[in-house]
Amino acid sequence: MARPGRKDRGLLAKKDSTGKPVWSVRLYHEGRERRFGSFSTKTAARDFYEKAKQEQKTGRFFPERYQHGGYELVAAMIDRYLLTIATKKPMTQVAERFFAQWWKDYFTGKRLNAITVGALEEARQSLLATVVVETKEKGEVNKLMTPQRVNRYMEWLRHVVNVAVREGKLASNSVLKLTMYKEPKGKTRFLSMEDEKALLEKLGPIHGPWARLAILTGLRQSEQFRLQWTDIDLERGMLTLLVTKAGGVQYAHLNEEAKAILRSFDSWHRSKWVFPSENPATPLDVRNFYNRVWLPALTGAGIEWATWHDLRHTFASRLAMTGHNEGTIAALLRHSTTALVKRYAHLSPSHLKAAVEGVAGFGKAQAEVRASQVTAGESEPVSNGTVTETGTAGSVGERSGIEVGEIIGAPDTN
């Protein structure tokens, strides 16, 4: 808005060394005066002023974006992000730093506004052309990076750029505009009875019950090895899980065998932890256990590969194979929905087989009844479209002793 004397609010003019007018913008932000410029024309200065005032109203005005070279360097943003990962698991921190270094090298000397869809697509093509060296039993085999692995790089950058957007360093996240490569869902791994027997034998009398407890309860690795004795109620057969993946307190049920295993542990004499480390004041070092005990036991049992989480899959798979429905499995896995338990549906043959057998038997029972009536010399009633005393809707079921629900395949209610 023009002020008296045709002076615009926030616009300042001065002459350069050649005598031409140069415009700058004055704004008050967070209680102090800031100046931006210079602009060669008054129109450009006014456009910047109006844009900045609108950003101030919506809380998205960040002066650093327009000063000291403009946008922040990508490397600086990534370094600031790495300061926030100290509380994550050690292996997660290693992965975070690996991705961070790759993207810092790719965007060396570039600012955040250089993260465009075009630049990201070039990065993907560069990754796909990267040769990955994997050591195998027969030597080293060179192969190109898979699309699935490229997706991990893009997902990491997407998360970091989201942080930049929340801080107001960028207006939008260009990574979100990319379509990720399709990935195969993979196979849900669970142990057979033979695999379990061999594994428990190799784990031995001390560590074997630990794995058996995981199969009986479906606990995640972090949930099981962080258990304290105060979390266990053997009388009610209940575990209280204070730290869970969902973030809130959850409860897990114990069957009789699981309670017997917990009673056999003697760590309560010396530690508050059910699975203490050599120092009773601290819980078990899971990485040490994994490398020292778990992996050698897998090798000894002849199992090609299995993670501790596969014991949770084994728990869910056996629930499905004993005929329990998705709602029950989801509840015992402590999932909020049944979406993640559909992977176990093919392992529940009882209700699925009953359903398809119902389709195969549809209409056959009525035909067999009619055939037996004709054989016995009875005249088959001709339907005239009305219900009569001799041909009611329930008469076939009454004579044959078959319920209508059984003829068409009653729905599973388990």
Protein backbone atom coordinates (compact mmCIF):
# COMPACT_ATOMS: atom_id res chain seq x y z
CA MET A 1 0.00 0.00 0.00
CA ALA A 2 1.39 3.38 -0.97
CA ARG A 3 2.04 5.87 1.86
CA PRO A 4 1.95 9.68 1.60
CA GLY A 5 4.43 10.97 -0.93
CA ARG A 6 4.15 7.68 -2.92
CA LYS A 7 6.47 5.90 -0.48
CA ASP A 8 5.86 2.18 -0.08
CA ARG A 9 5.98 0.61 3.37
CA GLY A 10 9.19 -1.36 3.95
CA LEU A 11 10.88 -0.31 0.71
CA LEU A 12 14.12 1.65 0.88
CA ALA A 13 16.02 3.21 -2.03
CA LYS A 14 19.56 4.35 -2.44
CA LYS A 15 21.86 5.04 -5.37
CA ASP A 16 24.77 2.85 -6.36
CA SER A 17 28.16 4.02 -7.60
CA THR A 18 26.74 4.71 -11.07
CA GLY A 19 23.88 6.78 -9.74
CA LYS A 20 21.16 4.20 -10.44
CA PRO A 21 18.56 3.52 -7.73
CA VAL A 22 18.87 0.23 -5.85
CA TRP A 23 16.03 -1.06 -3.70
CA SER A 24 16.09 -3.03 -0.45
CA VAL A 25 13.38 -4.33 1.86
CA ARG A 26 13.05 -3.70 5.60
CA LEU A 27 11.10 -6.17 7.72
CA TYR A 28 10.61 -6.65 11.44
CA HIS A 29 10.89 -10.29 12.47
CA GLU A 30 10.90 -11.64 16.03
CA GLY A 31 11.28 -8.14 17.44
CA ARG A 32 14.24 -7.00 15.39
CA GLU A 33 14.79 -5.23 12.11
CA ARG A 34 16.11 -7.19 9.14
CA ARG A 35 17.01 -5.91 5.68
CA PHE A 36 16.98 -7.80 2.41
CA GLY A 37 18.25 -6.80 -1.00
CA SER A 38 19.39 -5.39 -3.19
CA PHE A 39 16.74 -5.33 -5.93
CA SER A 40 17.27 -3.61 -9.27
CA THR A 41 13.64 -2.53 -9.58
CA LYS A 42 11.02 -1.28 -7.18
CA THR A 43 8.57 -3.90 -8.46
CA ALA A 44 10.90 -6.76 -7.52
CA ALA A 45 11.39 -5.28 -4.06
CA ARG A 46 7.63 -4.89 -3.57
CA ASP A 47 6.98 -8.48 -4.70
CA PHE A 48 9.51 -9.77 -2.17
CA TYR A 49 7.97 -7.66 0.59
CA GLU A 50 4.46 -8.96 -0.06
CA LYS A 51 5.69 -12.56 -0.25
CA ALA A 52 7.62 -12.23 3.01
CA LYS A 53 4.66 -10.67 4.85
CA GLN A 54 2.42 -13.54 3.70
CA GLU A 55 4.99 -16.06 4.95
CA GLN A 56 5.08 -14.26 8.29
CA LYS A 57 1.31 -14.60 8.63
CA THR A 58 1.44 -18.35 8.01
CA GLY A 59 4.50 -18.89 10.21
CA ARG A 60 6.71 -19.96 7.32
CA PHE A 61 9.06 -16.98 7.09
CA PHE A 62 12.69 -17.92 7.75
CA PRO A 63 15.15 -15.06 7.06
CA GLU A 64 18.10 -17.45 6.75
CA ARG A 65 16.58 -18.68 3.49
CA TYR A 66 17.18 -15.28 1.90
CA GLN A 67 20.40 -14.29 3.61
CA HIS A 68 24.00 -15.54 3.65
CA GLY A 69 23.80 -17.25 0.29
CA GLY A 70 20.16 -18.38 0.46
CA TYR A 71 19.29 -22.03 1.12
CA GLU A 72 21.27 -24.11 3.59
CA LEU A 73 23.86 -26.54 2.26
CA VAL A 74 22.65 -30.14 1.96
CA ALA A 75 25.71 -31.36 3.87
CA ALA A 76 25.00 -28.95 6.74
CA MET A 77 21.38 -30.08 6.95
CA ILE A 78 22.44 -33.76 7.03
CA ASP A 79 25.05 -33.08 9.72
CA ARG A 80 22.41 -31.39 11.88
CA TYR A 81 20.11 -34.38 11.36
CA LEU A 82 22.82 -36.82 12.46
CA LEU A 83 22.93 -35.07 15.83
CA THR A 84 19.43 -36.43 16.53
CA ILE A 85 20.16 -40.16 16.06
CA ALA A 86 22.18 -40.72 19.24
CA THR A 87 19.29 -42.54 20.95
CA LYS A 88 18.77 -45.03 18.11
CA LYS A 89 20.13 -48.58 18.08
CA PRO A 90 23.85 -48.88 17.22
CA MET A 91 23.23 -50.78 13.99
CA THR A 92 20.61 -48.22 12.97
CA GLN A 93 23.11 -45.43 13.57
CA VAL A 94 25.63 -47.20 11.33
CA ALA A 95 23.06 -47.40 8.53
CA GLU A 96 22.06 -43.75 9.02
CA ARG A 97 25.66 -42.58 8.72
CA PHE A 98 26.21 -44.73 5.64
CA PHE A 99 23.28 -43.16 3.79
CA ALA A 100 24.24 -39.70 5.08
CA GLN A 101 27.74 -39.94 3.63
CA TRP A 102 26.46 -41.10 0.24
CA TRP A 103 24.03 -38.20 -0.09
CA LYS A 104 26.59 -35.67 1.18
CA ASP A 105 29.01 -36.84 -1.50
CA TYR A 106 26.30 -36.71 -4.17
CA PHE A 107 25.20 -33.17 -3.29
CA THR A 108 28.68 -31.83 -2.48
CA GLY A 109 28.59 -28.02 -2.40
CA LYS A 110 24.87 -27.99 -3.32
CA ARG A 111 22.09 -26.30 -1.39
CA LEU A 112 18.71 -27.68 -0.39
CA ASN A 113 16.97 -26.19 -3.41
CA ALA A 114 19.16 -28.47 -5.57
CA ILE A 115 17.10 -31.47 -4.35
CA THR A 116 14.76 -31.55 -7.33
CA VAL A 117 12.88 -34.40 -8.99
CA GLY A 118 15.34 -34.32 -11.88
CA ALA A 119 18.35 -34.53 -9.58
CA LEU A 120 16.78 -37.37 -7.62
CA GLU A 121 16.02 -39.36 -10.76
CA GLU A 122 19.65 -38.96 -11.85
CA ALA A 123 20.71 -40.20 -8.40
CA ARG A 124 18.51 -43.28 -8.78
CA GLN A 125 19.99 -44.11 -12.16
CA SER A 126 23.46 -43.69 -10.72
CA LEU A 127 22.64 -46.08 -7.90
CA LEU A 128 21.15 -48.66 -10.26
CA ALA A 129 24.40 -48.61 -12.24
CA THR A 130 26.49 -49.16 -9.10
CA VAL A 131 28.26 -52.51 -8.88
CA VAL A 132 27.77 -54.21 -5.52
CA VAL A 133 30.39 -56.76 -4.49
CA GLU A 134 28.94 -59.58 -2.41
CA THR A 135 31.10 -62.31 -0.97
CA LYS A 136 29.72 -65.80 -1.45
CA GLU A 137 31.02 -69.27 -0.78
CA LYS A 138 32.27 -69.66 -4.36
CA GLY A 139 34.06 -66.33 -4.42
CA GLU A 140 33.10 -62.73 -5.10
CA VAL A 141 30.32 -62.04 -7.57
CA ASN A 142 29.73 -58.60 -9.05
CA LYS A 143 26.16 -57.51 -9.56
CA LEU A 144 24.27 -54.25 -9.91
CA MET A 145 22.34 -52.65 -7.09
CA THR A 146 18.71 -53.80 -6.95
CA PRO A 147 15.73 -51.42 -7.14
CA GLN A 148 14.76 -52.51 -3.62
CA ARG A 149 18.07 -51.31 -2.29
CA VAL A 150 17.78 -48.03 -4.19
CA ASN A 151 14.44 -47.48 -2.44
CA ARG A 152 16.24 -47.57 0.93
CA TYR A 153 18.46 -44.67 -0.17
CA MET A 154 15.44 -42.63 -1.29
CA GLU A 155 13.47 -43.39 1.86
CA TRP A 156 16.31 -42.14 4.03
CA LEU A 157 16.59 -38.87 2.09
CA ARG A 158 12.81 -38.47 2.18
CA HIS A 159 12.91 -38.57 5.96
CA VAL A 160 15.70 -35.96 6.16
CA VAL A 161 13.99 -33.62 3.69
CA ASN A 162 10.78 -33.92 5.71
CA VAL A 163 12.74 -32.52 8.65
CA ALA A 164 13.91 -29.63 6.46
CA VAL A 165 10.31 -28.91 5.42
CA ARG A 166 9.13 -28.91 9.05
CA GLU A 167 11.89 -26.44 9.90
CA GLY A 168 10.83 -24.22 7.01
CA LYS A 169 14.06 -24.71 5.10
CA LEU A 170 12.11 -25.99 2.09
CA ALA A 171 8.57 -25.42 0.91
CA SER A 172 7.96 -29.04 -0.17
CA ASN A 173 9.59 -32.46 -0.30
CA SER A 174 10.65 -33.39 -3.84
CA VAL A 175 11.27 -37.02 -2.84
CA LEU A 176 7.53 -37.46 -2.31
CA LYS A 177 6.97 -36.72 -5.99
CA LEU A 178 8.93 -39.82 -6.98
CA THR A 179 7.26 -43.20 -7.40
CA MET A 180 9.24 -45.85 -5.56
CA TYR A 181 10.24 -49.00 -7.41
CA LYS A 182 7.94 -51.94 -6.87
CA GLU A 183 9.25 -54.57 -4.49
CA PRO A 184 8.31 -58.23 -4.06
CA LYS A 185 6.55 -58.85 -0.76
CA GLY A 186 8.85 -61.75 0.00
CA LYS A 187 8.15 -64.86 1.98
CA THR A 188 7.16 -65.01 5.63
CA ARG A 189 9.70 -67.29 7.28
CA PHE A 190 8.66 -69.58 10.13
CA LEU A 191 10.24 -72.66 11.66
CA SER A 192 8.95 -76.16 11.06
CA MET A 193 8.82 -78.59 13.97
CA GLU A 194 12.01 -80.21 12.67
CA ASP A 195 13.78 -76.84 12.41
CA GLU A 196 12.69 -75.90 15.92
CA LYS A 197 13.87 -79.19 17.41
CA ALA A 198 17.29 -78.93 15.75
CA LEU A 199 17.68 -75.28 16.73
CA LEU A 200 16.75 -75.81 20.38
CA GLU A 201 19.20 -78.70 20.62
CA LYS A 202 22.03 -76.53 19.29
CA LEU A 203 21.09 -73.63 21.56
CA GLY A 204 21.43 -75.98 24.52
CA PRO A 205 19.67 -76.21 27.88
CA ILE A 206 20.40 -72.59 28.80
CA HIS A 207 19.48 -70.67 25.64
CA GLY A 208 17.03 -73.17 24.13
CA PRO A 209 14.23 -72.21 26.56
CA TRP A 210 14.73 -68.56 25.57
CA ALA A 211 13.85 -69.34 21.96
CA ARG A 212 11.01 -71.63 23.00
CA LEU A 213 9.55 -68.83 25.13
CA ALA A 214 9.59 -66.53 22.07
CA ILE A 215 7.68 -69.14 20.05
CA LEU A 216 5.13 -69.57 22.84
CA THR A 217 4.48 -65.85 23.38
CA GLY A 218 5.26 -64.09 20.09
CA LEU A 219 7.33 -61.47 21.89
CA ARG A 220 9.59 -59.23 19.85
CA GLN A 221 13.29 -59.49 20.58
CA SER A 222 13.47 -56.13 22.36
CA GLU A 223 10.34 -56.91 24.38
CA GLN A 224 11.61 -60.27 25.58
CA PHE A 225 15.16 -59.29 26.48
CA ARG A 226 14.01 -56.13 28.27
CA LEU A 227 11.62 -58.01 30.56
CA GLN A 228 11.87 -57.32 34.28
CA TRP A 229 10.59 -59.66 36.96
CA THR A 230 8.12 -57.01 38.10
CA ASP A 231 6.51 -57.20 34.64
CA ILE A 232 5.52 -60.87 35.11
CA ASP A 233 2.32 -62.07 36.77
CA LEU A 234 2.48 -65.87 36.80
CA GLU A 235 -0.79 -66.26 38.71
CA ARG A 236 -2.80 -64.43 36.04
CA GLY A 237 -0.54 -65.64 33.21
CA MET A 238 0.18 -62.12 31.98
CA LEU A 239 3.19 -60.07 30.91
CA THR A 240 3.16 -56.26 31.13
CA LEU A 241 5.21 -54.77 28.28
CA LEU A 242 6.14 -51.20 29.19
CA VAL A 243 8.25 -50.48 26.10
CA THR A 244 6.66 -51.64 22.84
CA LYS A 245 6.84 -50.88 19.14
CA ALA A 246 3.44 -49.16 19.36
CA GLY A 247 4.77 -46.85 22.05
CA GLY A 248 2.22 -47.67 24.77
CA VAL A 249 1.85 -50.32 27.45
CA GLN A 250 0.68 -53.71 26.13
CA TYR A 251 -0.05 -57.11 27.66
CA ALA A 252 0.90 -60.60 26.49
CA HIS A 253 -0.71 -63.85 27.61
CA LEU A 254 1.21 -66.82 28.97
CA ASN A 255 0.25 -70.46 28.51
CA GLU A 256 1.24 -73.14 31.03
CA GLU A 257 4.45 -74.11 29.25
CA ALA A 258 5.58 -70.48 29.05
CA LYS A 259 4.92 -70.03 32.78
CA ALA A 260 6.92 -73.19 33.51
CA ILE A 261 9.87 -71.84 31.51
CA LEU A 262 9.82 -68.55 33.41
CA ARG A 263 9.67 -70.40 36.74
CA SER A 264 12.78 -72.33 35.74
CA PHE A 265 14.86 -69.15 35.42
CA ASP A 266 16.86 -68.20 38.50
CA SER A 267 17.98 -64.72 37.48
CA TRP A 268 15.53 -63.19 39.97
CA HIS A 269 18.04 -64.08 42.72
CA ARG A 270 20.61 -61.59 41.42
CA SER A 271 18.95 -59.14 39.01
CA LYS A 272 15.76 -57.24 38.27
CA TRP A 273 16.16 -58.34 34.64
CA VAL A 274 14.79 -61.69 33.47
CA PHE A 275 17.69 -61.88 30.97
CA PRO A 276 20.61 -60.05 32.61
CA SER A 277 24.08 -59.64 31.18
CA GLU A 278 27.21 -60.69 33.05
CA ASN A 279 26.70 -57.47 34.99
CA PRO A 280 23.38 -58.11 36.82
CA ALA A 281 22.60 -54.40 36.81
CA THR A 282 22.20 -54.32 33.02
CA PRO A 283 20.06 -56.32 30.57
CA LEU A 284 21.46 -58.78 28.06
CA ASP A 285 23.60 -57.39 25.23
CA VAL A 286 21.49 -58.60 22.32
CA ARG A 287 24.14 -58.05 19.66
CA ASN A 288 26.65 -60.09 21.64
CA PHE A 289 24.11 -62.89 22.12
CA TYR A 290 23.21 -62.82 18.44
CA ASN A 291 26.79 -63.21 17.22
CA ARG A 292 28.07 -65.48 19.99
CA VAL A 293 25.09 -67.83 20.43
CA TRP A 294 22.32 -67.42 17.85
CA LEU A 295 24.24 -67.46 14.56
CA PRO A 296 26.46 -70.46 15.49
CA ALA A 297 23.33 -72.38 16.58
CA LEU A 298 21.69 -71.74 13.19
CA THR A 299 24.77 -73.01 11.41
CA GLY A 300 24.92 -76.08 13.61
CA ALA A 301 21.23 -76.83 13.06
CA GLY A 302 21.66 -76.61 9.29
CA ILE A 303 19.19 -73.71 8.98
CA GLU A 304 20.24 -71.47 6.12
CA TRP A 305 18.98 -68.24 7.65
CA ALA A 306 16.56 -67.22 10.35
CA THR A 307 16.25 -64.15 12.55
CA TRP A 308 14.90 -63.93 16.07
CA HIS A 309 11.82 -62.23 14.64
CA ASP A 310 11.07 -65.43 12.71
CA LEU A 311 10.17 -66.96 16.08
CA ARG A 312 7.35 -64.41 16.28
CA HIS A 313 6.28 -65.45 12.76
CA THR A 314 6.36 -69.07 13.96
CA PHE A 315 4.02 -68.16 16.84
CA ALA A 316 1.54 -66.50 14.46
CA SER A 317 1.82 -69.25 11.84
CA ARG A 318 0.97 -71.96 14.33
CA LEU A 319 -2.04 -69.98 15.50
CA ALA A 320 -3.22 -69.91 11.88
CA MET A 321 -2.50 -73.61 11.34
CA THR A 322 -4.59 -74.52 14.39
CA GLY A 323 -7.58 -72.75 12.85
CA HIS A 324 -7.70 -69.39 14.66
CA ASN A 325 -9.10 -66.47 12.72
CA GLU A 326 -7.36 -63.23 11.81
CA GLY A 327 -8.91 -61.28 14.67
CA THR A 328 -7.53 -63.69 17.26
CA ILE A 329 -4.07 -63.72 15.68
CA ALA A 330 -4.00 -59.91 15.48
CA ALA A 331 -5.01 -59.63 19.15
CA LEU A 332 -2.31 -62.04 20.32
CA LEU A 333 0.31 -60.31 18.16
CA ARG A 334 -0.97 -57.01 19.65
CA HIS A 335 -1.67 -55.50 16.22
CA SER A 336 -4.28 -52.75 16.02
CA THR A 337 -5.76 -54.17 12.77
CA THR A 338 -5.83 -57.47 10.90
CA ALA A 339 -4.00 -56.02 7.87
CA LEU A 340 -0.61 -57.42 8.86
CA VAL A 341 -1.87 -60.92 9.68
CA LYS A 342 -3.28 -61.66 6.22
CA ARG A 343 0.12 -63.17 5.35
CA TYR A 344 -0.82 -66.13 7.56
CA ALA A 345 -4.23 -66.79 5.96
CA HIS A 346 -2.92 -69.50 3.62
CA LEU A 347 -1.67 -71.42 6.66
CA SER A 348 -5.17 -71.85 8.08
CA PRO A 349 -6.58 -74.69 5.94
CA SER A 350 -9.52 -75.64 8.13
CA HIS A 351 -11.94 -72.80 7.47
CA LEU A 352 -10.63 -72.13 3.95
CA LYS A 353 -11.05 -75.78 2.92
CA ALA A 354 -14.53 -75.88 4.46
CA ALA A 355 -15.45 -72.83 2.43
CA VAL A 356 -14.34 -74.25 -0.93
CA GLU A 357 -15.90 -77.63 -0.16
CA GLY A 358 -19.16 -75.79 0.43
CA VAL A 359 -18.97 -74.41 -3.11
CA ALA A 360 -18.33 -77.89 -4.53
CA GLY A 361 -21.31 -79.32 -2.65
CA PHE A 362 -23.72 -76.54 -3.52
CA GLY A 363 -26.99 -77.98 -4.88
CA LYS A 364 -25.85 -81.59 -4.73
CA ALA A 365 -27.72 -82.41 -1.54
CA GLN A 366 -31.06 -81.31 -3.00
CA ALA A 367 -30.45 -83.33 -6.18
CA GLU A 368 -29.61 -86.45 -4.16
CA VAL A 369 -32.81 -86.12 -2.14
CA ARG A 370 -34.91 -85.79 -5.28
CA ALA A 371 -33.18 -88.80 -6.85
CA SER A 372 -33.90 -90.94 -3.78
CA GLN A 373 -37.55 -89.92 -3.87
CA VAL A 374 -37.87 -90.96 -7.52
CA THR A 375 -36.16 -94.28 -6.82
CA ALA A 376 -38.61 -94.99 -3.96
CA GLY A 377 -41.53 -94.38 -6.33
CA GLU A 378 -42.54 -91.09 -4.84
CA SER A 379 -43.83 -88.48 -7.21
CA GLU A 380 -41.71 -85.35 -7.20
CA PRO A 381 -43.85 -82.28 -6.54
CA VAL A 382 -43.95 -79.69 -9.25
CA SER A 383 -43.40 -76.20 -8.01
CA ASN A 384 -45.99 -73.65 -9.02
CA GLY A 385 -44.15 -70.75 -7.50
CA THR A 386 -46.09 -70.85 -4.21
CA VAL A 387 -45.35 -72.41 -0.85
CA THR A 388 -47.66 -75.28 -0.07
CA GLU A 389 -48.03 -77.68 2.81
CA THR A 390 -46.29 -80.48 0.92
CA GLY A 391 -43.45 -78.39 -0.46
CA THR A 392 -42.28 -75.80 2.08
CA ALA A 393 -38.96 -74.06 2.06
CA GLY A 394 -37.74 -76.21 4.93
CA SER A 395 -39.11 -79.54 3.74
CA VAL A 396 -35.98 -80.63 1.88
CA GLY A 397 -33.82 -79.98 4.89
CA GLU A 398 -36.23 -81.79 7.20
CA ARG A 399 -36.40 -84.94 5.03
CA SER A 400 -32.69 -85.11 4.30
CA GLY A 401 -31.52 -84.19 7.78
CA ILE A 402 -29.21 -81.51 6.31
CA GLU A 403 -29.29 -77.93 7.49
CA VAL A 404 -29.48 -75.25 4.82
CA GLY A 405 -26.36 -73.63 6.23
CA GLU A 406 -24.46 -76.88 5.69
CA ILE A 407 -25.61 -77.19 2.10
CA ILE A 408 -24.26 -73.82 1.03
CA GLY A 409 -21.23 -73.83 3.35
CA ALA A 410 -21.77 -72.10 6.66
CA PRO A 411 -19.48 -69.14 7.30
CA ASP A 412 -16.57 -69.61 9.65
CA THR A 413 -17.23 -67.97 13.01
CA ASN A 414 -14.04 -69.00 14.80
